[in-house]
Amino acid sequence: PECTTKPKQWQLQLPKSLVTGLERQVKTLKCNHVIFPSLFNFISGYDGGVTSFAVLQLTDPALVGGSLHALSAWDVGLVVSSRVGGAVAGSLLVLCSQRDFSARDVLVWRAAV
């Protein structure tokens, strides 16, 4: 004979206000107008952190190593301002375009560049 008893299911009892808040946040995150700008902010923050770490490494002669020279203040300015230059170039590209770009299109272009 087969066992017909069902195993007990354990359920975590969360406060109603917490469950309601989490459901509201999940519902909001399903909207594209929230996900793509949030993703862009994450990518931009990550990009800033990577640039900062790269500048830290490239200005220390011990970390550069080999026959390379550490970056000067002018070189650091070029590395840091390249982010702004990329943003300006992307804005000009969108401005000169004949069609409207959505937030998703902007993220795709940002990832490609």
N, C-alpha and C. Protein backbone atom coordinates (compact mmCIF):
# COMPACT_ATOMS: atom_id res chain seq x y z
N PRO A 1 0.83 -1.20 0.00
CA PRO A 1 0.00 0.00 0.00
C PRO A 1 0.86 1.25 0.00
N GLU A 2 0.38 2.26 -0.70
CA GLU A 2 1.10 3.52 -0.78
C GLU A 2 0.79 4.39 0.42
N CYS A 3 1.72 5.23 0.74
CA CYS A 3 1.55 6.16 1.86
C CYS A 3 0.70 7.32 1.39
N THR A 4 -0.41 7.55 2.02
CA THR A 4 -1.32 8.61 1.59
C THR A 4 -1.25 9.84 2.49
N THR A 5 -0.39 9.83 3.47
CA THR A 5 -0.29 11.00 4.33
C THR A 5 0.57 12.05 3.66
N LYS A 6 0.14 13.26 3.76
CA LYS A 6 0.89 14.36 3.17
C LYS A 6 1.85 14.93 4.22
N PRO A 7 3.06 15.28 3.78
CA PRO A 7 3.99 15.87 4.75
C PRO A 7 3.50 17.25 5.17
N LYS A 8 3.85 17.62 6.39
CA LYS A 8 3.48 18.94 6.88
C LYS A 8 4.25 20.01 6.11
N GLN A 9 3.56 21.05 5.77
CA GLN A 9 4.22 22.16 5.11
C GLN A 9 4.44 23.26 6.14
N TRP A 10 5.67 23.67 6.26
CA TRP A 10 6.00 24.73 7.19
C TRP A 10 5.82 26.07 6.50
N GLN A 11 5.13 26.95 7.14
CA GLN A 11 4.92 28.27 6.57
C GLN A 11 5.47 29.30 7.54
N LEU A 12 6.15 30.25 6.96
CA LEU A 12 6.70 31.34 7.74
C LEU A 12 5.62 32.41 7.90
N GLN A 13 5.32 32.76 9.09
CA GLN A 13 4.29 33.76 9.34
C GLN A 13 4.94 35.14 9.41
N LEU A 14 4.70 35.93 8.39
CA LEU A 14 5.22 37.29 8.34
C LEU A 14 4.12 38.27 8.70
N PRO A 15 4.49 39.40 9.25
CA PRO A 15 3.47 40.42 9.55
C PRO A 15 2.77 40.87 8.26
N LYS A 16 1.49 41.13 8.36
CA LYS A 16 0.68 41.53 7.20
C LYS A 16 1.23 42.78 6.53
N SER A 17 1.69 43.76 7.33
CA SER A 17 2.21 45.00 6.75
C SER A 17 3.48 44.74 5.94
N LEU A 18 4.33 43.81 6.38
CA LEU A 18 5.54 43.48 5.65
C LEU A 18 5.20 42.78 4.33
N VAL A 19 4.26 41.86 4.37
CA VAL A 19 3.84 41.15 3.15
C VAL A 19 3.25 42.13 2.15
N THR A 20 2.42 43.03 2.62
CA THR A 20 1.81 44.02 1.73
C THR A 20 2.88 44.92 1.11
N GLY A 21 3.85 45.35 1.91
CA GLY A 21 4.93 46.20 1.39
C GLY A 21 5.78 45.48 0.36
N LEU A 22 6.11 44.21 0.62
CA LEU A 22 6.90 43.44 -0.33
C LEU A 22 6.14 43.21 -1.63
N GLU A 23 4.85 42.92 -1.54
CA GLU A 23 4.05 42.72 -2.75
C GLU A 23 4.00 44.00 -3.57
N ARG A 24 3.89 45.14 -2.91
CA ARG A 24 3.85 46.42 -3.61
C ARG A 24 5.18 46.69 -4.31
N GLN A 25 6.30 46.38 -3.65
CA GLN A 25 7.61 46.60 -4.26
C GLN A 25 7.84 45.67 -5.45
N VAL A 26 7.42 44.42 -5.34
CA VAL A 26 7.57 43.48 -6.45
C VAL A 26 6.72 43.93 -7.64
N LYS A 27 5.52 44.41 -7.35
CA LYS A 27 4.64 44.89 -8.43
C LYS A 27 5.25 46.11 -9.11
N THR A 28 5.88 46.99 -8.33
CA THR A 28 6.52 48.18 -8.90
C THR A 28 7.72 47.79 -9.74
N LEU A 29 8.50 46.81 -9.30
CA LEU A 29 9.69 46.41 -10.03
C LEU A 29 9.37 45.73 -11.35
N LYS A 30 8.15 45.26 -11.51
CA LYS A 30 7.77 44.65 -12.78
C LYS A 30 7.57 45.68 -13.88
N CYS A 31 7.46 46.95 -13.51
CA CYS A 31 7.25 48.02 -14.49
C CYS A 31 8.58 48.40 -15.12
N ASN A 32 8.63 48.48 -16.44
CA ASN A 32 9.86 48.82 -17.14
C ASN A 32 10.35 50.23 -16.84
N HIS A 33 9.45 51.14 -16.54
CA HIS A 33 9.89 52.51 -16.28
C HIS A 33 10.62 52.61 -14.95
N VAL A 34 10.61 51.58 -14.15
CA VAL A 34 11.36 51.56 -12.89
C VAL A 34 12.65 50.76 -13.05
N ILE A 35 12.57 49.64 -13.75
CA ILE A 35 13.73 48.74 -13.84
C ILE A 35 14.88 49.37 -14.62
N PHE A 36 14.62 49.92 -15.78
CA PHE A 36 15.71 50.40 -16.62
C PHE A 36 16.44 51.61 -16.03
N PRO A 37 15.75 52.63 -15.51
CA PRO A 37 16.52 53.71 -14.86
C PRO A 37 17.30 53.22 -13.63
N SER A 38 16.74 52.29 -12.89
CA SER A 38 17.45 51.75 -11.73
C SER A 38 18.69 50.99 -12.18
N LEU A 39 18.57 50.24 -13.25
CA LEU A 39 19.71 49.52 -13.79
C LEU A 39 20.78 50.49 -14.28
N PHE A 40 20.36 51.59 -14.92
CA PHE A 40 21.31 52.59 -15.38
C PHE A 40 22.06 53.20 -14.19
N ASN A 41 21.34 53.51 -13.11
CA ASN A 41 22.00 54.07 -11.93
C ASN A 41 23.01 53.10 -11.35
N PHE A 42 22.67 51.82 -11.34
CA PHE A 42 23.60 50.80 -10.86
C PHE A 42 24.84 50.75 -11.75
N ILE A 43 24.64 50.75 -13.06
CA ILE A 43 25.76 50.68 -14.00
C ILE A 43 26.63 51.93 -13.87
N SER A 44 26.01 53.08 -13.73
CA SER A 44 26.77 54.32 -13.60
C SER A 44 27.59 54.34 -12.32
N GLY A 45 27.01 53.87 -11.22
CA GLY A 45 27.75 53.82 -9.97
C GLY A 45 28.90 52.83 -10.04
N TYR A 46 28.66 51.71 -10.68
CA TYR A 46 29.73 50.71 -10.85
C TYR A 46 30.84 51.29 -11.71
N ASP A 47 30.48 51.99 -12.77
CA ASP A 47 31.45 52.61 -13.67
C ASP A 47 32.30 53.63 -12.91
N GLY A 48 31.66 54.41 -12.05
CA GLY A 48 32.40 55.40 -11.26
C GLY A 48 33.37 54.74 -10.29
N GLY A 49 32.96 53.64 -9.69
CA GLY A 49 33.84 52.93 -8.78
C GLY A 49 35.03 52.31 -9.49
N VAL A 50 34.79 51.75 -10.66
CA VAL A 50 35.88 51.16 -11.44
C VAL A 50 36.86 52.24 -11.88
N THR A 51 36.35 53.39 -12.31
CA THR A 51 37.23 54.49 -12.71
C THR A 51 38.06 54.97 -11.54
N SER A 52 37.44 55.11 -10.37
CA SER A 52 38.16 55.55 -9.19
C SER A 52 39.28 54.58 -8.82
N PHE A 53 38.98 53.29 -8.87
CA PHE A 53 40.00 52.29 -8.54
C PHE A 53 41.12 52.28 -9.58
N ALA A 54 40.77 52.44 -10.84
CA ALA A 54 41.78 52.47 -11.90
C ALA A 54 42.71 53.66 -11.73
N VAL A 55 42.16 54.81 -11.40
CA VAL A 55 42.97 56.00 -11.19
C VAL A 55 43.90 55.80 -9.99
N LEU A 56 43.37 55.18 -8.94
CA LEU A 56 44.19 54.91 -7.75
C LEU A 56 45.38 54.02 -8.11
N GLN A 57 45.14 53.01 -8.91
CA GLN A 57 46.23 52.11 -9.29
C GLN A 57 47.21 52.75 -10.27
N LEU A 58 46.70 53.52 -11.21
CA LEU A 58 47.57 54.08 -12.25
C LEU A 58 48.37 55.28 -11.80
N THR A 59 48.06 55.84 -10.64
CA THR A 59 48.85 56.98 -10.15
C THR A 59 49.94 56.54 -9.17
N ASP A 60 49.94 55.30 -8.75
CA ASP A 60 50.95 54.79 -7.83
C ASP A 60 52.05 54.09 -8.64
N PRO A 61 53.27 54.64 -8.61
CA PRO A 61 54.35 54.03 -9.42
C PRO A 61 54.62 52.57 -9.06
N ALA A 62 54.41 52.20 -7.80
CA ALA A 62 54.67 50.81 -7.41
C ALA A 62 53.65 49.85 -8.02
N LEU A 63 52.42 50.33 -8.22
CA LEU A 63 51.38 49.47 -8.78
C LEU A 63 51.41 49.43 -10.31
N VAL A 64 51.96 50.47 -10.94
CA VAL A 64 52.01 50.49 -12.40
C VAL A 64 52.99 49.43 -12.89
N GLY A 65 54.18 49.42 -12.32
CA GLY A 65 55.17 48.39 -12.61
C GLY A 65 55.69 48.45 -14.03
N GLY A 66 56.66 47.61 -14.28
CA GLY A 66 57.24 47.52 -15.62
C GLY A 66 57.92 48.81 -16.04
N SER A 67 57.91 49.07 -17.31
CA SER A 67 58.53 50.28 -17.84
C SER A 67 57.53 51.40 -18.02
N LEU A 68 56.32 51.24 -17.51
CA LEU A 68 55.29 52.27 -17.63
C LEU A 68 55.48 53.34 -16.56
N HIS A 69 55.00 54.52 -16.85
CA HIS A 69 55.08 55.63 -15.89
C HIS A 69 53.70 55.84 -15.28
N ALA A 70 53.70 56.32 -14.04
CA ALA A 70 52.43 56.64 -13.38
C ALA A 70 51.77 57.81 -14.10
N LEU A 71 50.44 57.88 -13.99
CA LEU A 71 49.71 58.96 -14.66
C LEU A 71 49.97 60.31 -14.00
N SER A 72 50.04 61.32 -14.81
CA SER A 72 50.16 62.68 -14.30
C SER A 72 48.76 63.22 -13.99
N ALA A 73 48.71 64.41 -13.45
CA ALA A 73 47.41 65.02 -13.14
C ALA A 73 46.60 65.23 -14.42
N TRP A 74 47.26 65.58 -15.50
CA TRP A 74 46.58 65.77 -16.79
C TRP A 74 45.98 64.45 -17.29
N ASP A 75 46.73 63.38 -17.16
CA ASP A 75 46.24 62.06 -17.58
C ASP A 75 45.06 61.61 -16.74
N VAL A 76 45.11 61.87 -15.44
CA VAL A 76 44.00 61.51 -14.55
C VAL A 76 42.75 62.29 -14.96
N GLY A 77 42.93 63.56 -15.30
CA GLY A 77 41.79 64.37 -15.76
C GLY A 77 41.16 63.80 -17.01
N LEU A 78 41.98 63.30 -17.93
CA LEU A 78 41.44 62.69 -19.16
C LEU A 78 40.67 61.41 -18.85
N VAL A 79 41.21 60.59 -17.94
CA VAL A 79 40.52 59.34 -17.60
C VAL A 79 39.18 59.63 -16.95
N VAL A 80 39.16 60.55 -16.01
CA VAL A 80 37.92 60.85 -15.28
C VAL A 80 36.91 61.56 -16.18
N SER A 81 37.37 62.47 -17.01
CA SER A 81 36.43 63.21 -17.86
C SER A 81 35.94 62.39 -19.04
N SER A 82 36.53 61.24 -19.29
CA SER A 82 36.06 60.41 -20.40
C SER A 82 34.62 59.94 -20.17
N ARG A 83 34.23 59.77 -18.90
CA ARG A 83 32.84 59.41 -18.60
C ARG A 83 31.89 60.52 -19.04
N VAL A 84 32.26 61.75 -18.74
CA VAL A 84 31.41 62.88 -19.12
C VAL A 84 31.41 63.04 -20.64
N GLY A 85 32.57 62.85 -21.25
CA GLY A 85 32.64 62.93 -22.71
C GLY A 85 31.77 61.88 -23.38
N GLY A 86 31.74 60.69 -22.83
CA GLY A 86 30.87 59.64 -23.36
C GLY A 86 29.40 59.99 -23.21
N ALA A 87 29.05 60.60 -22.09
CA ALA A 87 27.66 61.02 -21.89
C ALA A 87 27.27 62.10 -22.88
N VAL A 88 28.17 63.04 -23.12
CA VAL A 88 27.88 64.11 -24.08
C VAL A 88 27.76 63.54 -25.49
N ALA A 89 28.66 62.64 -25.86
CA ALA A 89 28.59 62.03 -27.19
C ALA A 89 27.29 61.25 -27.37
N GLY A 90 26.88 60.52 -26.34
CA GLY A 90 25.61 59.79 -26.41
C GLY A 90 24.42 60.72 -26.52
N SER A 91 24.46 61.84 -25.80
CA SER A 91 23.38 62.81 -25.88
C SER A 91 23.29 63.43 -27.27
N LEU A 92 24.44 63.72 -27.86
CA LEU A 92 24.44 64.28 -29.21
C LEU A 92 23.93 63.27 -30.23
N LEU A 93 24.27 62.01 -30.03
CA LEU A 93 23.78 60.96 -30.91
C LEU A 93 22.25 60.87 -30.87
N VAL A 94 21.70 60.92 -29.67
CA VAL A 94 20.25 60.86 -29.52
C VAL A 94 19.60 62.13 -30.06
N LEU A 95 20.24 63.27 -29.83
CA LEU A 95 19.68 64.55 -30.31
C LEU A 95 19.60 64.58 -31.83
N CYS A 96 20.61 64.03 -32.49
CA CYS A 96 20.63 64.05 -33.96
C CYS A 96 19.79 62.94 -34.58
N SER A 97 19.29 62.04 -33.78
CA SER A 97 18.49 60.94 -34.30
C SER A 97 17.09 61.43 -34.66
N GLN A 98 16.46 60.75 -35.60
CA GLN A 98 15.12 61.13 -36.04
C GLN A 98 14.02 60.43 -35.26
N ARG A 99 14.36 59.42 -34.46
CA ARG A 99 13.32 58.70 -33.74
C ARG A 99 13.47 58.92 -32.24
N ASP A 100 12.41 58.64 -31.53
CA ASP A 100 12.44 58.77 -30.08
C ASP A 100 13.06 57.53 -29.46
N PHE A 101 13.92 57.74 -28.47
CA PHE A 101 14.56 56.63 -27.78
C PHE A 101 13.87 56.39 -26.45
N SER A 102 13.65 55.13 -26.14
CA SER A 102 13.10 54.78 -24.84
C SER A 102 14.25 54.58 -23.86
N ALA A 103 13.91 54.38 -22.59
CA ALA A 103 14.94 54.13 -21.58
C ALA A 103 15.71 52.86 -21.89
N ARG A 104 15.03 51.88 -22.45
CA ARG A 104 15.69 50.62 -22.81
C ARG A 104 16.71 50.84 -23.92
N ASP A 105 16.35 51.64 -24.93
CA ASP A 105 17.29 51.94 -26.02
C ASP A 105 18.54 52.63 -25.49
N VAL A 106 18.34 53.53 -24.55
CA VAL A 106 19.48 54.25 -23.96
C VAL A 106 20.40 53.28 -23.23
N LEU A 107 19.82 52.33 -22.51
CA LEU A 107 20.65 51.35 -21.81
C LEU A 107 21.41 50.46 -22.79
N VAL A 108 20.78 50.10 -23.89
CA VAL A 108 21.46 49.27 -24.88
C VAL A 108 22.64 50.03 -25.47
N TRP A 109 22.43 51.30 -25.80
CA TRP A 109 23.53 52.12 -26.33
C TRP A 109 24.63 52.29 -25.30
N ARG A 110 24.22 52.48 -24.05
CA ARG A 110 25.19 52.65 -22.96
C ARG A 110 26.04 51.38 -22.81
N ALA A 111 25.41 50.24 -22.88
CA ALA A 111 26.14 48.97 -22.74
C ALA A 111 27.07 48.75 -23.95
N ALA A 112 26.64 49.18 -25.12
CA ALA A 112 27.45 48.99 -26.32
C ALA A 112 28.71 49.87 -26.30
N VAL A 113 28.56 51.04 -25.71
CA VAL A 113 29.70 51.97 -25.67
C VAL A 113 30.56 51.62 -24.51
